[in-house]
Amino acid sequence: MNLGSIVTIGNRKPENLLHIVIDNGSYASCSEEISMSQSVDLCKLARDVGYRYIHNANSKNRLKYAIVMFKQGPGFIRARIELGGRRDFRRPLKLTGIKKRFMRFLNQKQNKKDKL
């Protein structure tokens, strides 16, 4: 993502968009160089450009909570994770399948919330 994207999203204000940044503080897909997210408040940036819903998630439970609580966008969640893990993954090629799995996950969360 570049700054042009986040500014455009904030300006256009798509109500159904939830933007999740999974931040491990580095460019892990390249050479694990430190990213600028250590010195830039991404949530403040999202607020400043016009996102309506902003949440900083520092745990798995906080991320789940932030996703379930999202009502109207554009929404922005910064999910802070640790650097590490495997580095031999292929790039995803079947993006529609990934989208469908993610949408099923969100629908499960929404159904659980509706039952409460």
PDB file of N, CA and C in Angstrom:
ATOM      1  N   MET A   1       0.845  -1.173   0.000  1.00  0.00           N
ATOM      2  CA  MET A   1       0.000   0.000   0.000  1.00  0.00           C
ATOM      3  C   MET A   1       0.890   1.236   0.000  1.00  0.00           C
ATOM      4  N   ASN A   2       0.484   2.235  -0.691  1.00  0.00           N
ATOM      5  CA  ASN A   2       1.222   3.489  -0.644  1.00  0.00           C
ATOM      6  C   ASN A   2       0.313   4.587  -0.106  1.00  0.00           C
ATOM      7  N   LEU A   3       0.886   5.744   0.162  1.00  0.00           N
ATOM      8  CA  LEU A   3       0.098   6.825   0.751  1.00  0.00           C
ATOM      9  C   LEU A   3      -1.006   7.322  -0.165  1.00  0.00           C
ATOM     10  N   GLY A   4      -0.818   7.213  -1.462  1.00  0.00           N
ATOM     11  CA  GLY A   4      -1.881   7.616  -2.373  1.00  0.00           C
ATOM     12  C   GLY A   4      -3.142   6.788  -2.168  1.00  0.00           C
ATOM     13  N   SER A   5      -2.978   5.513  -1.880  1.00  0.00           N
ATOM     14  CA  SER A   5      -4.130   4.634  -1.651  1.00  0.00           C
ATOM     15  C   SER A   5      -4.883   5.019  -0.398  1.00  0.00           C
ATOM     16  N   ILE A   6      -4.177   5.220   0.702  1.00  0.00           N
ATOM     17  CA  ILE A   6      -4.847   5.524   1.968  1.00  0.00           C
ATOM     18  C   ILE A   6      -5.541   6.885   1.906  1.00  0.00           C
ATOM     19  N   VAL A   7      -4.937   7.835   1.222  1.00  0.00           N
ATOM     20  CA  VAL A   7      -5.555   9.158   1.076  1.00  0.00           C
ATOM     21  C   VAL A   7      -6.807   9.055   0.202  1.00  0.00           C
ATOM     22  N   THR A   8      -6.740   8.285  -0.877  1.00  0.00           N
ATOM     23  CA  THR A   8      -7.903   8.107  -1.749  1.00  0.00           C
ATOM     24  C   THR A   8      -9.045   7.428  -1.000  1.00  0.00           C
ATOM     25  N   ILE A   9      -8.750   6.388  -0.237  1.00  0.00           N
ATOM     26  CA  ILE A   9      -9.770   5.688   0.542  1.00  0.00           C
ATOM     27  C   ILE A   9     -10.419   6.652   1.533  1.00  0.00           C
ATOM     28  N   GLY A  10      -9.602   7.407   2.257  1.00  0.00           N
ATOM     29  CA  GLY A  10     -10.136   8.364   3.222  1.00  0.00           C
ATOM     30  C   GLY A  10     -11.002   9.428   2.566  1.00  0.00           C
ATOM     31  N   ASN A  11     -10.640   9.827   1.376  1.00  0.00           N
ATOM     32  CA  ASN A  11     -11.402  10.847   0.655  1.00  0.00           C
ATOM     33  C   ASN A  11     -12.701  10.309   0.075  1.00  0.00           C
ATOM     34  N   ARG A  12     -12.667   9.128  -0.493  1.00  0.00           N
ATOM     35  CA  ARG A  12     -13.854   8.535  -1.138  1.00  0.00           C
ATOM     36  C   ARG A  12     -14.829   7.944  -0.118  1.00  0.00           C
ATOM     37  N   LYS A  13     -14.332   7.544   1.026  1.00  0.00           N
ATOM     38  CA  LYS A  13     -15.137   7.024   2.140  1.00  0.00           C
ATOM     39  C   LYS A  13     -16.061   5.856   1.780  1.00  0.00           C
ATOM     40  N   PRO A  14     -15.522   4.776   1.229  1.00  0.00           N
ATOM     41  CA  PRO A  14     -16.378   3.610   0.964  1.00  0.00           C
ATOM     42  C   PRO A  14     -16.858   3.001   2.285  1.00  0.00           C
ATOM     43  N   GLU A  15     -18.161   2.923   2.452  1.00  0.00           N
ATOM     44  CA  GLU A  15     -18.732   2.491   3.726  1.00  0.00           C
ATOM     45  C   GLU A  15     -18.516   1.015   4.015  1.00  0.00           C
ATOM     46  N   ASN A  16     -18.259   0.213   2.993  1.00  0.00           N
ATOM     47  CA  ASN A  16     -18.121  -1.224   3.200  1.00  0.00           C
ATOM     48  C   ASN A  16     -16.661  -1.690   3.228  1.00  0.00           C
ATOM     49  N   LEU A  17     -15.713  -0.770   3.337  1.00  0.00           N
ATOM     50  CA  LEU A  17     -14.303  -1.137   3.294  1.00  0.00           C
ATOM     51  C   LEU A  17     -13.687  -1.171   4.689  1.00  0.00           C
ATOM     52  N   LEU A  18     -13.115  -2.301   5.033  1.00  0.00           N
ATOM     53  CA  LEU A  18     -12.326  -2.434   6.248  1.00  0.00           C
ATOM     54  C   LEU A  18     -10.907  -2.764   5.824  1.00  0.00           C
ATOM     55  N   HIS A  19     -10.006  -1.864   6.092  1.00  0.00           N
ATOM     56  CA  HIS A  19      -8.605  -1.937   5.676  1.00  0.00           C
ATOM     57  C   HIS A  19      -7.801  -2.462   6.864  1.00  0.00           C
ATOM     58  N   ILE A  20      -7.227  -3.641   6.736  1.00  0.00           N
ATOM     59  CA  ILE A  20      -6.446  -4.230   7.821  1.00  0.00           C
ATOM     60  C   ILE A  20      -4.984  -4.262   7.411  1.00  0.00           C
ATOM     61  N   VAL A  21      -4.151  -3.579   8.200  1.00  0.00           N
ATOM     62  CA  VAL A  21      -2.714  -3.587   7.972  1.00  0.00           C
ATOM     63  C   VAL A  21      -2.098  -4.544   8.982  1.00  0.00           C
ATOM     64  N   ILE A  22      -1.493  -5.609   8.499  1.00  0.00           N
ATOM     65  CA  ILE A  22      -0.795  -6.557   9.362  1.00  0.00           C
ATOM     66  C   ILE A  22       0.652  -6.096   9.405  1.00  0.00           C
ATOM     67  N   ASP A  23       1.034  -5.539  10.549  1.00  0.00           N
ATOM     68  CA  ASP A  23       2.303  -4.816  10.676  1.00  0.00           C
ATOM     69  C   ASP A  23       3.289  -5.586  11.550  1.00  0.00           C
ATOM     70  N   ASN A  24       4.334  -6.113  10.913  1.00  0.00           N
ATOM     71  CA  ASN A  24       5.402  -6.768  11.667  1.00  0.00           C
ATOM     72  C   ASN A  24       6.631  -5.871  11.775  1.00  0.00           C
ATOM     73  N   GLY A  25       6.469  -4.607  11.410  1.00  0.00           N
ATOM     74  CA  GLY A  25       7.553  -3.642  11.558  1.00  0.00           C
ATOM     75  C   GLY A  25       8.677  -3.789  10.562  1.00  0.00           C
ATOM     76  N   SER A  26       8.462  -4.585   9.520  1.00  0.00           N
ATOM     77  CA  SER A  26       9.537  -4.770   8.548  1.00  0.00           C
ATOM     78  C   SER A  26       8.957  -5.099   7.176  1.00  0.00           C
ATOM     79  N   TYR A  27       9.829  -5.115   6.229  1.00  0.00           N
ATOM     80  CA  TYR A  27       9.486  -5.568   4.891  1.00  0.00           C
ATOM     81  C   TYR A  27       9.852  -7.050   4.829  1.00  0.00           C
ATOM     82  N   ALA A  28       9.042  -7.894   5.466  1.00  0.00           N
ATOM     83  CA  ALA A  28       9.372  -9.305   5.642  1.00  0.00           C
ATOM     84  C   ALA A  28       9.390 -10.077   4.332  1.00  0.00           C
ATOM     85  N   SER A  29       8.596  -9.657   3.364  1.00  0.00           N
ATOM     86  CA  SER A  29       8.574 -10.400   2.104  1.00  0.00           C
ATOM     87  C   SER A  29       9.839 -10.141   1.292  1.00  0.00           C
ATOM     88  N   CYS A  30      10.601  -9.147   1.695  1.00  0.00           N
ATOM     89  CA  CYS A  30      11.854  -8.851   0.980  1.00  0.00           C
ATOM     90  C   CYS A  30      13.036  -9.330   1.819  1.00  0.00           C
ATOM     91  N   SER A  31      13.641  -8.433   2.542  1.00  0.00           N
ATOM     92  CA  SER A  31      14.849  -8.782   3.287  1.00  0.00           C
ATOM     93  C   SER A  31      14.739  -8.459   4.773  1.00  0.00           C
ATOM     94  N   GLU A  32      13.517  -8.301   5.274  1.00  0.00           N
ATOM     95  CA  GLU A  32      13.256  -8.002   6.682  1.00  0.00           C
ATOM     96  C   GLU A  32      13.895  -6.692   7.152  1.00  0.00           C
ATOM     97  N   GLU A  33      14.015  -5.747   6.224  1.00  0.00           N
ATOM     98  CA  GLU A  33      14.477  -4.416   6.620  1.00  0.00           C
ATOM     99  C   GLU A  33      13.389  -3.742   7.434  1.00  0.00           C
ATOM    100  N   ILE A  34      13.769  -2.906   8.383  1.00  0.00           N
ATOM    101  CA  ILE A  34      12.820  -2.219   9.244  1.00  0.00           C
ATOM    102  C   ILE A  34      11.978  -1.257   8.409  1.00  0.00           C
ATOM    103  N   SER A  35      10.669  -1.295   8.635  1.00  0.00           N
ATOM    104  CA  SER A  35       9.778  -0.387   7.920  1.00  0.00           C
ATOM    105  C   SER A  35       9.609   0.905   8.709  1.00  0.00           C
ATOM    106  N   MET A  36       8.930   1.847   8.123  1.00  0.00           N
ATOM    107  CA  MET A  36       8.702   3.140   8.770  1.00  0.00           C
ATOM    108  C   MET A  36       7.558   3.100   9.776  1.00  0.00           C
ATOM    109  N   SER A  37       6.889   1.955   9.913  1.00  0.00           N
ATOM    110  CA  SER A  37       5.754   1.884  10.839  1.00  0.00           C
ATOM    111  C   SER A  37       6.191   2.048  12.292  1.00  0.00           C
ATOM    112  N   GLN A  38       7.474   1.948  12.550  1.00  0.00           N
ATOM    113  CA  GLN A  38       7.979   2.168  13.906  1.00  0.00           C
ATOM    114  C   GLN A  38       7.980   3.651  14.275  1.00  0.00           C
ATOM    115  N   SER A  39       8.048   4.502  13.261  1.00  0.00           N
ATOM    116  CA  SER A  39       8.132   5.938  13.528  1.00  0.00           C
ATOM    117  C   SER A  39       6.911   6.728  13.049  1.00  0.00           C
ATOM    118  N   VAL A  40       5.938   6.044  12.461  1.00  0.00           N
ATOM    119  CA  VAL A  40       4.737   6.704  11.952  1.00  0.00           C
ATOM    120  C   VAL A  40       3.523   6.070  12.623  1.00  0.00           C
ATOM    121  N   ASP A  41       2.628   6.905  13.117  1.00  0.00           N
ATOM    122  CA  ASP A  41       1.395   6.412  13.733  1.00  0.00           C
ATOM    123  C   ASP A  41       0.378   6.181  12.616  1.00  0.00           C
ATOM    124  N   LEU A  42       0.273   4.935  12.166  1.00  0.00           N
ATOM    125  CA  LEU A  42      -0.604   4.618  11.043  1.00  0.00           C
ATOM    126  C   LEU A  42      -2.073   4.876  11.366  1.00  0.00           C
ATOM    127  N   CYS A  43      -2.478   4.656  12.611  1.00  0.00           N
ATOM    128  CA  CYS A  43      -3.871   4.924  12.997  1.00  0.00           C
ATOM    129  C   CYS A  43      -4.168   6.420  12.932  1.00  0.00           C
ATOM    130  N   LYS A  44      -3.224   7.243  13.370  1.00  0.00           N
ATOM    131  CA  LYS A  44      -3.407   8.700  13.290  1.00  0.00           C
ATOM    132  C   LYS A  44      -3.468   9.128  11.828  1.00  0.00           C
ATOM    133  N   LEU A  45      -2.630   8.546  11.003  1.00  0.00           N
ATOM    134  CA  LEU A  45      -2.646   8.857   9.581  1.00  0.00           C
ATOM    135  C   LEU A  45      -4.015   8.522   8.973  1.00  0.00           C
ATOM    136  N   ALA A  46      -4.540   7.357   9.309  1.00  0.00           N
ATOM    137  CA  ALA A  46      -5.860   6.965   8.802  1.00  0.00           C
ATOM    138  C   ALA A  46      -6.927   7.952   9.265  1.00  0.00           C
ATOM    139  N   ARG A  47      -6.877   8.349  10.512  1.00  0.00           N
ATOM    140  CA  ARG A  47      -7.852   9.319  11.039  1.00  0.00           C
ATOM    141  C   ARG A  47      -7.712  10.656  10.310  1.00  0.00           C
ATOM    142  N   ASP A  48      -6.477  11.102  10.115  1.00  0.00           N
ATOM    143  CA  ASP A  48      -6.231  12.401   9.490  1.00  0.00           C
ATOM    144  C   ASP A  48      -6.713  12.472   8.040  1.00  0.00           C
ATOM    145  N   VAL A  49      -6.706  11.332   7.331  1.00  0.00           N
ATOM    146  CA  VAL A  49      -7.144  11.365   5.930  1.00  0.00           C
ATOM    147  C   VAL A  49      -8.626  11.047   5.771  1.00  0.00           C
ATOM    148  N   GLY A  50      -9.331  10.727   6.868  1.00  0.00           N
ATOM    149  CA  GLY A  50     -10.781  10.607   6.781  1.00  0.00           C
ATOM    150  C   GLY A  50     -11.400   9.252   7.057  1.00  0.00           C
ATOM    151  N   TYR A  51     -10.626   8.280   7.511  1.00  0.00           N
ATOM    152  CA  TYR A  51     -11.241   6.999   7.884  1.00  0.00           C
ATOM    153  C   TYR A  51     -12.182   7.231   9.067  1.00  0.00           C
ATOM    154  N   ARG A  52     -13.312   6.517   9.086  1.00  0.00           N
ATOM    155  CA  ARG A  52     -14.303   6.686  10.149  1.00  0.00           C
ATOM    156  C   ARG A  52     -14.046   5.781  11.348  1.00  0.00           C
ATOM    157  N   TYR A  53     -13.593   4.570  11.104  1.00  0.00           N
ATOM    158  CA  TYR A  53     -13.396   3.577  12.162  1.00  0.00           C
ATOM    159  C   TYR A  53     -11.917   3.239  12.209  1.00  0.00           C
ATOM    160  N   ILE A  54     -11.311   3.419  13.363  1.00  0.00           N
ATOM    161  CA  ILE A  54      -9.876   3.158  13.512  1.00  0.00           C
ATOM    162  C   ILE A  54      -9.658   2.350  14.773  1.00  0.00           C
ATOM    163  N   HIS A  55      -8.834   1.315  14.647  1.00  0.00           N
ATOM    164  CA  HIS A  55      -8.547   0.468  15.807  1.00  0.00           C
ATOM    165  C   HIS A  55      -7.111  -0.037  15.710  1.00  0.00           C
ATOM    166  N   ASN A  56      -6.430  -0.053  16.834  1.00  0.00           N
ATOM    167  CA  ASN A  56      -5.077  -0.580  16.922  1.00  0.00           C
ATOM    168  C   ASN A  56      -5.148  -1.895  17.689  1.00  0.00           C
ATOM    169  N   ALA A  57      -4.853  -3.004  17.034  1.00  0.00           N
ATOM    170  CA  ALA A  57      -4.975  -4.327  17.647  1.00  0.00           C
ATOM    171  C   ALA A  57      -3.598  -4.912  17.913  1.00  0.00           C
ATOM    172  N   ASN A  58      -3.311  -5.160  19.188  1.00  0.00           N
ATOM    173  CA  ASN A  58      -2.008  -5.708  19.561  1.00  0.00           C
ATOM    174  C   ASN A  58      -2.097  -7.152  20.035  1.00  0.00           C
ATOM    175  N   SER A  59      -3.228  -7.797  19.786  1.00  0.00           N
ATOM    176  CA  SER A  59      -3.370  -9.211  20.126  1.00  0.00           C
ATOM    177  C   SER A  59      -4.417  -9.829  19.213  1.00  0.00           C
ATOM    178  N   LYS A  60      -4.435 -11.145  19.177  1.00  0.00           N
ATOM    179  CA  LYS A  60      -5.406 -11.855  18.352  1.00  0.00           C
ATOM    180  C   LYS A  60      -6.832 -11.526  18.799  1.00  0.00           C
ATOM    181  N   ASN A  61      -7.061 -11.485  20.098  1.00  0.00           N
ATOM    182  CA  ASN A  61      -8.394 -11.180  20.604  1.00  0.00           C
ATOM    183  C   ASN A  61      -8.822  -9.756  20.264  1.00  0.00           C
ATOM    184  N   ARG A  62      -7.889  -8.802  20.345  1.00  0.00           N
ATOM    185  CA  ARG A  62      -8.222  -7.414  19.998  1.00  0.00           C
ATOM    186  C   ARG A  62      -8.517  -7.285  18.504  1.00  0.00           C
ATOM    187  N   LEU A  63      -7.822  -8.063  17.678  1.00  0.00           N
ATOM    188  CA  LEU A  63      -8.096  -8.043  16.241  1.00  0.00           C
ATOM    189  C   LEU A  63      -9.490  -8.595  15.966  1.00  0.00           C
ATOM    190  N   LYS A  64      -9.836  -9.718  16.577  1.00  0.00           N
ATOM    191  CA  LYS A  64     -11.179 -10.276  16.402  1.00  0.00           C
ATOM    192  C   LYS A  64     -12.235  -9.272  16.849  1.00  0.00           C
ATOM    193  N   TYR A  65     -12.006  -8.652  17.990  1.00  0.00           N
ATOM    194  CA  TYR A  65     -12.944  -7.655  18.513  1.00  0.00           C
ATOM    195  C   TYR A  65     -13.103  -6.499  17.519  1.00  0.00           C
ATOM    196  N   ALA A  66     -11.988  -5.998  17.003  1.00  0.00           N
ATOM    197  CA  ALA A  66     -12.029  -4.866  16.080  1.00  0.00           C
ATOM    198  C   ALA A  66     -12.793  -5.208  14.810  1.00  0.00           C
ATOM    199  N   ILE A  67     -12.631  -6.418  14.307  1.00  0.00           N
ATOM    200  CA  ILE A  67     -13.341  -6.835  13.099  1.00  0.00           C
ATOM    201  C   ILE A  67     -14.838  -6.938  13.373  1.00  0.00           C
ATOM    202  N   VAL A  68     -15.202  -7.552  14.478  1.00  0.00           N
ATOM    203  CA  VAL A  68     -16.613  -7.740  14.805  1.00  0.00           C
ATOM    204  C   VAL A  68     -17.306  -6.402  15.064  1.00  0.00           C
ATOM    205  N   MET A  69     -16.601  -5.450  15.653  1.00  0.00           N
ATOM    206  CA  MET A  69     -17.198  -4.166  16.004  1.00  0.00           C
ATOM    207  C   MET A  69     -17.318  -3.208  14.822  1.00  0.00           C
ATOM    208  N   PHE A  70     -16.676  -3.512  13.722  1.00  0.00           N
ATOM    209  CA  PHE A  70     -16.737  -2.650  12.541  1.00  0.00           C
ATOM    210  C   PHE A  70     -18.164  -2.558  12.019  1.00  0.00           C
ATOM    211  N   LYS A  71     -18.644  -1.328  11.849  1.00  0.00           N
ATOM    212  CA  LYS A  71     -20.006  -1.094  11.359  1.00  0.00           C
ATOM    213  C   LYS A  71     -20.018  -0.343  10.030  1.00  0.00           C
ATOM    214  N   GLN A  72     -19.270   0.755   9.970  1.00  0.00           N
ATOM    215  CA  GLN A  72     -19.312   1.614   8.789  1.00  0.00           C
ATOM    216  C   GLN A  72     -17.914   2.124   8.489  1.00  0.00           C
ATOM    217  N   GLY A  73     -17.557   2.072   7.239  1.00  0.00           N
ATOM    218  CA  GLY A  73     -16.227   2.475   6.845  1.00  0.00           C
ATOM    219  C   GLY A  73     -16.178   3.839   6.211  1.00  0.00           C
ATOM    220  N   PRO A  74     -15.005   4.162   5.773  1.00  0.00           N
ATOM    221  CA  PRO A  74     -13.898   3.238   5.735  1.00  0.00           C
ATOM    222  C   PRO A  74     -13.358   2.965   7.133  1.00  0.00           C
ATOM    223  N   GLY A  75     -12.936   1.735   7.316  1.00  0.00           N
ATOM    224  CA  GLY A  75     -12.359   1.332   8.589  1.00  0.00           C
ATOM    225  C   GLY A  75     -10.901   0.965   8.420  1.00  0.00           C
ATOM    226  N   PHE A  76     -10.134   1.180   9.482  1.00  0.00           N
ATOM    227  CA  PHE A  76      -8.697   0.906   9.454  1.00  0.00           C
ATOM    228  C   PHE A  76      -8.309   0.184  10.736  1.00  0.00           C
ATOM    229  N   ILE A  77      -7.691  -0.970  10.591  1.00  0.00           N
ATOM    230  CA  ILE A  77      -7.168  -1.703  11.742  1.00  0.00           C
ATOM    231  C   ILE A  77      -5.689  -1.954  11.508  1.00  0.00           C
ATOM    232  N   ARG A  78      -4.893  -1.560  12.465  1.00  0.00           N
ATOM    233  CA  ARG A  78      -3.463  -1.908  12.441  1.00  0.00           C
ATOM    234  C   ARG A  78      -3.286  -3.081  13.385  1.00  0.00           C
ATOM    235  N   ALA A  79      -2.958  -4.232  12.829  1.00  0.00           N
ATOM    236  CA  ALA A  79      -2.739  -5.442  13.614  1.00  0.00           C
ATOM    237  C   ALA A  79      -1.236  -5.646  13.762  1.00  0.00           C
ATOM    238  N   ARG A  80      -0.731  -5.386  14.951  1.00  0.00           N
ATOM    239  CA  ARG A  80       0.706  -5.505  15.212  1.00  0.00           C
ATOM    240  C   ARG A  80       1.044  -6.960  15.490  1.00  0.00           C
ATOM    241  N   ILE A  81       1.997  -7.506  14.741  1.00  0.00           N
ATOM    242  CA  ILE A  81       2.456  -8.880  14.945  1.00  0.00           C
ATOM    243  C   ILE A  81       3.968  -8.877  15.065  1.00  0.00           C
ATOM    244  N   GLU A  82       4.512  -9.991  15.500  1.00  0.00           N
ATOM    245  CA  GLU A  82       5.965 -10.110  15.618  1.00  0.00           C
ATOM    246  C   GLU A  82       6.559 -10.578  14.298  1.00  0.00           C
ATOM    247  N   LEU A  83       7.787 -10.191  14.079  1.00  0.00           N
ATOM    248  CA  LEU A  83       8.530 -10.636  12.904  1.00  0.00           C
ATOM    249  C   LEU A  83       8.942 -12.085  13.127  1.00  0.00           C
ATOM    250  N   GLY A  84       8.853 -12.855  12.099  1.00  0.00           N
ATOM    251  CA  GLY A  84       9.283 -14.249  12.216  1.00  0.00           C
ATOM    252  C   GLY A  84       8.439 -15.153  11.356  1.00  0.00           C
ATOM    253  N   GLY A  85       8.713 -16.413  11.448  1.00  0.00           N
ATOM    254  CA  GLY A  85       7.949 -17.398  10.700  1.00  0.00           C
ATOM    255  C   GLY A  85       8.641 -17.792   9.411  1.00  0.00           C
ATOM    256  N   ARG A  86       7.953 -18.636   8.682  1.00  0.00           N
ATOM    257  CA  ARG A  86       8.492 -19.152   7.428  1.00  0.00           C
ATOM    258  C   ARG A  86       8.630 -18.046   6.391  1.00  0.00           C
ATOM    259  N   ARG A  87       9.586 -18.227   5.510  1.00  0.00           N
ATOM    260  CA  ARG A  87       9.803 -17.244   4.450  1.00  0.00           C
ATOM    261  C   ARG A  87       9.740 -17.896   3.072  1.00  0.00           C
ATOM    262  N   ASP A  88       9.316 -19.142   3.014  1.00  0.00           N
ATOM    263  CA  ASP A  88       9.329 -19.850   1.736  1.00  0.00           C
ATOM    264  C   ASP A  88       7.941 -19.990   1.112  1.00  0.00           C
ATOM    265  N   PHE A  89       7.028 -19.094   1.484  1.00  0.00           N
ATOM    266  CA  PHE A  89       5.687 -19.142   0.919  1.00  0.00           C
ATOM    267  C   PHE A  89       5.672 -18.577  -0.498  1.00  0.00           C
ATOM    268  N   ARG A  90       4.849 -19.204  -1.339  1.00  0.00           N
ATOM    269  CA  ARG A  90       4.646 -18.653  -2.677  1.00  0.00           C
ATOM    270  C   ARG A  90       3.694 -17.475  -2.568  1.00  0.00           C
ATOM    271  N   ARG A  91       3.757 -16.595  -3.509  1.00  0.00           N
ATOM    272  CA  ARG A  91       2.809 -15.483  -3.586  1.00  0.00           C
ATOM    273  C   ARG A  91       1.436 -16.044  -3.929  1.00  0.00           C
ATOM    274  N   PRO A  92       0.360 -15.505  -3.312  1.00  0.00           N
ATOM    275  CA  PRO A  92      -0.974 -16.022  -3.627  1.00  0.00           C
ATOM    276  C   PRO A  92      -1.358 -15.703  -5.066  1.00  0.00           C
ATOM    277  N   LEU A  93      -1.858 -16.709  -5.753  1.00  0.00           N
ATOM    278  CA  LEU A  93      -2.258 -16.514  -7.130  1.00  0.00           C
ATOM    279  C   LEU A  93      -3.773 -16.572  -7.307  1.00  0.00           C
ATOM    280  N   LYS A  94      -4.475 -17.204  -6.377  1.00  0.00           N
ATOM    281  CA  LYS A  94      -5.928 -17.341  -6.482  1.00  0.00           C
ATOM    282  C   LYS A  94      -6.584 -16.382  -5.498  1.00  0.00           C
ATOM    283  N   LEU A  95      -6.541 -15.099  -5.838  1.00  0.00           N
ATOM    284  CA  LEU A  95      -7.027 -14.063  -4.934  1.00  0.00           C
ATOM    285  C   LEU A  95      -8.524 -14.155  -4.674  1.00  0.00           C
ATOM    286  N   THR A  96      -9.297 -14.614  -5.637  1.00  0.00           N
ATOM    287  CA  THR A  96     -10.739 -14.732  -5.398  1.00  0.00           C
ATOM    288  C   THR A  96     -11.029 -15.786  -4.342  1.00  0.00           C
ATOM    289  N   GLY A  97     -10.263 -16.859  -4.312  1.00  0.00           N
ATOM    290  CA  GLY A  97     -10.426 -17.894  -3.279  1.00  0.00           C
ATOM    291  C   GLY A  97     -10.075 -17.354  -1.899  1.00  0.00           C
ATOM    292  N   ILE A  98      -9.035 -16.549  -1.824  1.00  0.00           N
ATOM    293  CA  ILE A  98      -8.645 -15.934  -0.552  1.00  0.00           C
ATOM    294  C   ILE A  98      -9.754 -15.007  -0.077  1.00  0.00           C
ATOM    295  N   LYS A  99     -10.301 -14.223  -0.985  1.00  0.00           N
ATOM    296  CA  LYS A  99     -11.396 -13.314  -0.627  1.00  0.00           C
ATOM    297  C   LYS A  99     -12.596 -14.100  -0.102  1.00  0.00           C
ATOM    298  N   LYS A 100     -12.958 -15.180  -0.768  1.00  0.00           N
ATOM    299  CA  LYS A 100     -14.113 -15.982  -0.344  1.00  0.00           C
ATOM    300  C   LYS A 100     -13.891 -16.570   1.046  1.00  0.00           C
ATOM    301  N   ARG A 101     -12.689 -17.095   1.327  1.00  0.00           N
ATOM    302  CA  ARG A 101     -12.398 -17.637   2.663  1.00  0.00           C
ATOM    303  C   ARG A 101     -12.486 -16.550   3.718  1.00  0.00           C
ATOM    304  N   PHE A 102     -11.983 -15.361   3.413  1.00  0.00           N
ATOM    305  CA  PHE A 102     -12.019 -14.254   4.368  1.00  0.00           C
ATOM    306  C   PHE A 102     -13.462 -13.807   4.614  1.00  0.00           C
ATOM    307  N   MET A 103     -14.262 -13.746   3.568  1.00  0.00           N
ATOM    308  CA  MET A 103     -15.663 -13.347   3.719  1.00  0.00           C
ATOM    309  C   MET A 103     -16.432 -14.381   4.552  1.00  0.00           C
ATOM    310  N   ARG A 104     -16.135 -15.683   4.368  1.00  0.00           N
ATOM    311  CA  ARG A 104     -16.778 -16.710   5.208  1.00  0.00           C
ATOM    312  C   ARG A 104     -16.407 -16.498   6.665  1.00  0.00           C
ATOM    313  N   PHE A 105     -15.138 -16.194   6.940  1.00  0.00           N
ATOM    314  CA  PHE A 105     -14.683 -15.919   8.311  1.00  0.00           C
ATOM    315  C   PHE A 105     -15.458 -14.743   8.891  1.00  0.00           C
ATOM    316  N   LEU A 106     -15.586 -13.668   8.143  1.00  0.00           N
ATOM    317  CA  LEU A 106     -16.310 -12.497   8.646  1.00  0.00           C
ATOM    318  C   LEU A 106     -17.778 -12.817   8.895  1.00  0.00           C
ATOM    319  N   ASN A 107     -18.395 -13.596   8.006  1.00  0.00           N
ATOM    320  CA  ASN A 107     -19.797 -13.963   8.188  1.00  0.00           C
ATOM    321  C   ASN A 107     -19.992 -14.815   9.430  1.00  0.00           C
ATOM    322  N   GLN A 108     -19.045 -15.705   9.728  1.00  0.00           N
ATOM    323  CA  GLN A 108     -19.122 -16.507  10.949  1.00  0.00           C
ATOM    324  C   GLN A 108     -19.078 -15.605  12.171  1.00  0.00           C
ATOM    325  N   LYS A 109     -18.192 -14.608  12.153  1.00  0.00           N
ATOM    326  CA  LYS A 109     -18.061 -13.677  13.273  1.00  0.00           C
ATOM    327  C   LYS A 109     -19.336 -12.856  13.424  1.00  0.00           C
ATOM    328  N   GLN A 110     -19.899 -12.405  12.310  1.00  0.00           N
ATOM    329  CA  GLN A 110     -21.115 -11.597  12.368  1.00  0.00           C
ATOM    330  C   GLN A 110     -22.269 -12.435  12.903  1.00  0.00           C
ATOM    331  N   ASN A 111     -22.374 -13.697  12.461  1.00  0.00           N
ATOM    332  CA  ASN A 111     -23.444 -14.573  12.941  1.00  0.00           C
ATOM    333  C   ASN A 111     -23.342 -14.803  14.442  1.00  0.00           C
ATOM    334  N   LYS A 112     -22.129 -14.983  14.950  1.00  0.00           N
ATOM    335  CA  LYS A 112     -21.931 -15.169  16.385  1.00  0.00           C
ATOM    336  C   LYS A 112     -22.340 -13.911  17.141  1.00  0.00           C
ATOM    337  N   LYS A 113     -21.989 -12.761  16.592  1.00  0.00           N
ATOM    338  CA  LYS A 113     -22.331 -11.484  17.231  1.00  0.00           C
ATOM    339  C   LYS A 113     -23.845 -11.290  17.245  1.00  0.00           C
ATOM    340  N   ASP A 114     -24.514 -11.631  16.152  1.00  0.00           N
ATOM    341  CA  ASP A 114     -25.968 -11.477  16.059  1.00  0.00           C
ATOM    342  C   ASP A 114     -26.694 -12.344  17.074  1.00  0.00           C
ATOM    343  N   LYS A 115     -26.106 -13.486  17.435  1.00  0.00           N
ATOM    344  CA  LYS A 115     -26.738 -14.400  18.382  1.00  0.00           C
ATOM    345  C   LYS A 115     -26.612 -13.919  19.823  1.00  0.00           C
ATOM    346  N   LEU A 116     -25.686 -12.972  20.072  1.00  0.00           N
ATOM    347  CA  LEU A 116     -25.482 -12.486  21.441  1.00  0.00           C
ATOM    348  C   LEU A 116     -26.597 -11.607  21.926  1.00  0.00           C
TER     349      LEU A 116
END
